[in-house]
Amino acid sequence: MSWQLWVLISVVAVALIVFLASRMRRAQHVFDDITQVERPAPAAPTDELARRRSHRVAHDPGRHRRHG
C-alpha cells in the first residue's frame, strides 16, 4: 500500500512539472513577442485622445496655450 502512495505522488509531481514547463514555454513566447526589436513603430497615433488632440490642433491654428 505504501508504494502505491509514492507512485501516485510521483505521477502528480510529473504532471505538475509538465504543466508548469508548458506554461513557462508559453510565457517565453509571449515575452519574446513583446520584446521584439525589429518591429516597426506605428505611423499614426492609435489612441482616441491623441487622434482628437491632433485633429483639434490642426483645425484651430490661432489658439496658443501658455503655461506659467
N, C-alpha and C. Protein backbone atom coordinates (compact mmCIF):
# COMPACT_ATOMS: atom_id res chain seq x y z
N MET A 1 0.82 -1.19 0.00
CA MET A 1 0.00 0.00 0.00
C MET A 1 0.87 1.26 0.00
N SER A 2 2.00 1.21 0.65
CA SER A 2 2.86 2.38 0.74
C SER A 2 3.45 2.75 -0.62
N TRP A 3 3.83 1.76 -1.41
CA TRP A 3 4.43 2.06 -2.71
C TRP A 3 3.40 2.69 -3.66
N GLN A 4 2.14 2.37 -3.49
CA GLN A 4 1.10 2.95 -4.35
C GLN A 4 0.94 4.45 -4.08
N LEU A 5 1.10 4.80 -2.84
CA LEU A 5 1.04 6.23 -2.50
C LEU A 5 2.20 6.98 -3.14
N TRP A 6 3.39 6.39 -3.12
CA TRP A 6 4.55 7.03 -3.73
C TRP A 6 4.40 7.11 -5.25
N VAL A 7 3.81 6.11 -5.85
CA VAL A 7 3.56 6.15 -7.29
C VAL A 7 2.58 7.27 -7.61
N LEU A 8 1.53 7.37 -6.83
CA LEU A 8 0.55 8.44 -7.03
C LEU A 8 1.19 9.82 -6.87
N ILE A 9 2.03 9.98 -5.84
CA ILE A 9 2.71 11.26 -5.61
C ILE A 9 3.64 11.58 -6.77
N SER A 10 4.37 10.58 -7.26
CA SER A 10 5.29 10.83 -8.37
C SER A 10 4.55 11.16 -9.67
N VAL A 11 3.42 10.52 -9.92
CA VAL A 11 2.63 10.82 -11.11
C VAL A 11 2.09 12.25 -11.04
N VAL A 12 1.61 12.64 -9.89
CA VAL A 12 1.12 14.01 -9.71
C VAL A 12 2.26 15.01 -9.87
N ALA A 13 3.44 14.70 -9.33
CA ALA A 13 4.58 15.60 -9.44
C ALA A 13 5.02 15.74 -10.90
N VAL A 14 5.05 14.65 -11.64
CA VAL A 14 5.44 14.70 -13.05
C VAL A 14 4.41 15.51 -13.84
N ALA A 15 3.14 15.30 -13.58
CA ALA A 15 2.10 16.05 -14.28
C ALA A 15 2.22 17.54 -13.97
N LEU A 16 2.50 17.89 -12.74
CA LEU A 16 2.67 19.29 -12.36
C LEU A 16 3.89 19.91 -13.05
N ILE A 17 4.97 19.16 -13.12
CA ILE A 17 6.18 19.67 -13.77
C ILE A 17 5.93 19.88 -15.27
N VAL A 18 5.25 18.96 -15.91
CA VAL A 18 4.94 19.10 -17.33
C VAL A 18 4.03 20.31 -17.56
N PHE A 19 3.05 20.47 -16.70
CA PHE A 19 2.15 21.62 -16.81
C PHE A 19 2.90 22.93 -16.65
N LEU A 20 3.74 23.03 -15.64
CA LEU A 20 4.49 24.26 -15.41
C LEU A 20 5.48 24.54 -16.53
N ALA A 21 6.10 23.50 -17.06
CA ALA A 21 7.04 23.69 -18.18
C ALA A 21 6.32 24.22 -19.41
N SER A 22 5.13 23.70 -19.66
CA SER A 22 4.39 24.20 -20.82
C SER A 22 3.95 25.65 -20.62
N ARG A 23 3.57 26.01 -19.41
CA ARG A 23 3.18 27.40 -19.14
C ARG A 23 4.38 28.34 -19.25
N MET A 24 5.54 27.89 -18.80
CA MET A 24 6.74 28.72 -18.90
C MET A 24 7.17 28.87 -20.35
N ARG A 25 7.00 27.84 -21.16
CA ARG A 25 7.32 27.94 -22.58
C ARG A 25 6.41 28.97 -23.24
N ARG A 26 5.13 28.94 -22.91
CA ARG A 26 4.19 29.91 -23.46
C ARG A 26 4.56 31.33 -23.01
N ALA A 27 4.94 31.47 -21.75
CA ALA A 27 5.33 32.78 -21.24
C ALA A 27 6.58 33.28 -21.96
N GLN A 28 7.51 32.39 -22.29
CA GLN A 28 8.70 32.79 -23.01
C GLN A 28 8.36 33.28 -24.42
N HIS A 29 7.42 32.62 -25.08
CA HIS A 29 7.00 33.06 -26.41
C HIS A 29 6.34 34.44 -26.35
N VAL A 30 5.51 34.66 -25.35
CA VAL A 30 4.86 35.96 -25.19
C VAL A 30 5.89 37.04 -24.90
N PHE A 31 6.85 36.74 -24.04
CA PHE A 31 7.90 37.70 -23.72
C PHE A 31 8.73 38.03 -24.96
N ASP A 32 9.06 37.04 -25.76
CA ASP A 32 9.81 37.28 -26.99
C ASP A 32 9.03 38.14 -27.97
N ASP A 33 7.73 37.92 -28.05
CA ASP A 33 6.90 38.74 -28.94
C ASP A 33 6.85 40.19 -28.48
N ILE A 34 6.79 40.39 -27.17
CA ILE A 34 6.71 41.75 -26.63
C ILE A 34 8.03 42.49 -26.83
N THR A 35 9.15 41.82 -26.64
CA THR A 35 10.44 42.49 -26.68
C THR A 35 11.12 42.42 -28.04
N GLN A 36 10.39 42.11 -29.07
CA GLN A 36 10.95 42.03 -30.41
C GLN A 36 11.35 43.43 -30.87
N VAL A 37 12.61 43.60 -31.27
CA VAL A 37 13.14 44.92 -31.58
C VAL A 37 12.84 45.34 -33.01
N GLU A 38 12.83 44.43 -33.96
CA GLU A 38 12.69 44.79 -35.36
C GLU A 38 11.27 45.13 -35.77
N ARG A 39 10.37 45.26 -34.82
CA ARG A 39 9.00 45.63 -35.12
C ARG A 39 8.94 47.11 -35.49
N PRO A 40 8.28 47.50 -36.58
CA PRO A 40 8.21 48.92 -36.96
C PRO A 40 7.31 49.70 -36.00
N ALA A 41 7.63 50.96 -35.85
CA ALA A 41 6.83 51.83 -34.98
C ALA A 41 5.54 52.22 -35.71
N PRO A 42 4.46 52.43 -34.98
CA PRO A 42 3.22 52.84 -35.64
C PRO A 42 3.36 54.23 -36.25
N ALA A 43 2.79 54.41 -37.42
CA ALA A 43 2.92 55.67 -38.14
C ALA A 43 2.00 56.74 -37.57
N ALA A 44 0.81 56.38 -37.16
CA ALA A 44 -0.16 57.35 -36.66
C ALA A 44 -0.54 57.00 -35.22
N PRO A 45 -0.95 57.99 -34.44
CA PRO A 45 -1.40 57.69 -33.08
C PRO A 45 -2.65 56.80 -33.12
N THR A 46 -2.68 55.82 -32.27
CA THR A 46 -3.78 54.86 -32.32
C THR A 46 -4.82 55.11 -31.24
N ASP A 47 -4.49 55.88 -30.23
CA ASP A 47 -5.48 56.08 -29.19
C ASP A 47 -6.41 57.25 -29.53
N GLU A 48 -7.56 57.21 -28.99
CA GLU A 48 -8.61 58.18 -29.31
C GLU A 48 -8.23 59.59 -28.87
N LEU A 49 -7.61 59.72 -27.71
CA LEU A 49 -7.25 61.04 -27.20
C LEU A 49 -6.23 61.73 -28.11
N ALA A 50 -5.21 61.01 -28.53
CA ALA A 50 -4.20 61.60 -29.40
C ALA A 50 -4.78 61.97 -30.76
N ARG A 51 -5.69 61.16 -31.27
CA ARG A 51 -6.30 61.45 -32.56
C ARG A 51 -7.15 62.71 -32.48
N ARG A 52 -7.94 62.84 -31.43
CA ARG A 52 -8.78 64.04 -31.28
C ARG A 52 -7.94 65.29 -31.03
N ARG A 53 -6.86 65.14 -30.26
CA ARG A 53 -6.00 66.29 -29.98
C ARG A 53 -5.33 66.78 -31.26
N SER A 54 -4.83 65.87 -32.08
CA SER A 54 -4.20 66.29 -33.33
C SER A 54 -5.22 66.90 -34.28
N HIS A 55 -6.44 66.42 -34.26
CA HIS A 55 -7.50 66.98 -35.10
C HIS A 55 -7.84 68.41 -34.64
N ARG A 56 -7.92 68.62 -33.33
CA ARG A 56 -8.26 69.94 -32.81
C ARG A 56 -7.15 70.95 -33.09
N VAL A 57 -5.90 70.55 -32.92
CA VAL A 57 -4.78 71.45 -33.16
C VAL A 57 -4.68 71.79 -34.64
N ALA A 58 -4.96 70.85 -35.52
CA ALA A 58 -4.88 71.09 -36.95
C ALA A 58 -5.97 72.06 -37.40
N HIS A 59 -7.13 72.07 -36.77
CA HIS A 59 -8.24 72.91 -37.20
C HIS A 59 -8.33 74.24 -36.45
N ASP A 60 -7.48 74.47 -35.49
CA ASP A 60 -7.52 75.72 -34.73
C ASP A 60 -6.09 76.25 -34.59
N PRO A 61 -5.50 76.79 -35.67
CA PRO A 61 -4.09 77.20 -35.60
C PRO A 61 -3.86 78.50 -34.82
N GLY A 62 -4.89 79.32 -34.63
CA GLY A 62 -4.71 80.59 -33.91
C GLY A 62 -4.67 80.44 -32.41
N ARG A 63 -5.02 79.30 -31.89
CA ARG A 63 -5.08 79.10 -30.45
C ARG A 63 -3.71 78.64 -29.93
N HIS A 64 -3.19 79.38 -28.96
CA HIS A 64 -1.90 79.02 -28.38
C HIS A 64 -2.11 78.79 -26.89
N ARG A 65 -1.47 77.80 -26.39
CA ARG A 65 -1.54 77.55 -24.95
C ARG A 65 -0.31 78.15 -24.28
N ARG A 66 -0.57 78.86 -23.23
CA ARG A 66 0.53 79.46 -22.50
C ARG A 66 0.54 78.89 -21.08
N HIS A 67 1.75 78.55 -20.65
CA HIS A 67 1.91 77.98 -19.32
C HIS A 67 2.74 78.96 -18.50
N GLY A 68 2.39 79.07 -17.21
CA GLY A 68 3.24 79.84 -16.33
C GLY A 68 2.65 81.08 -15.94
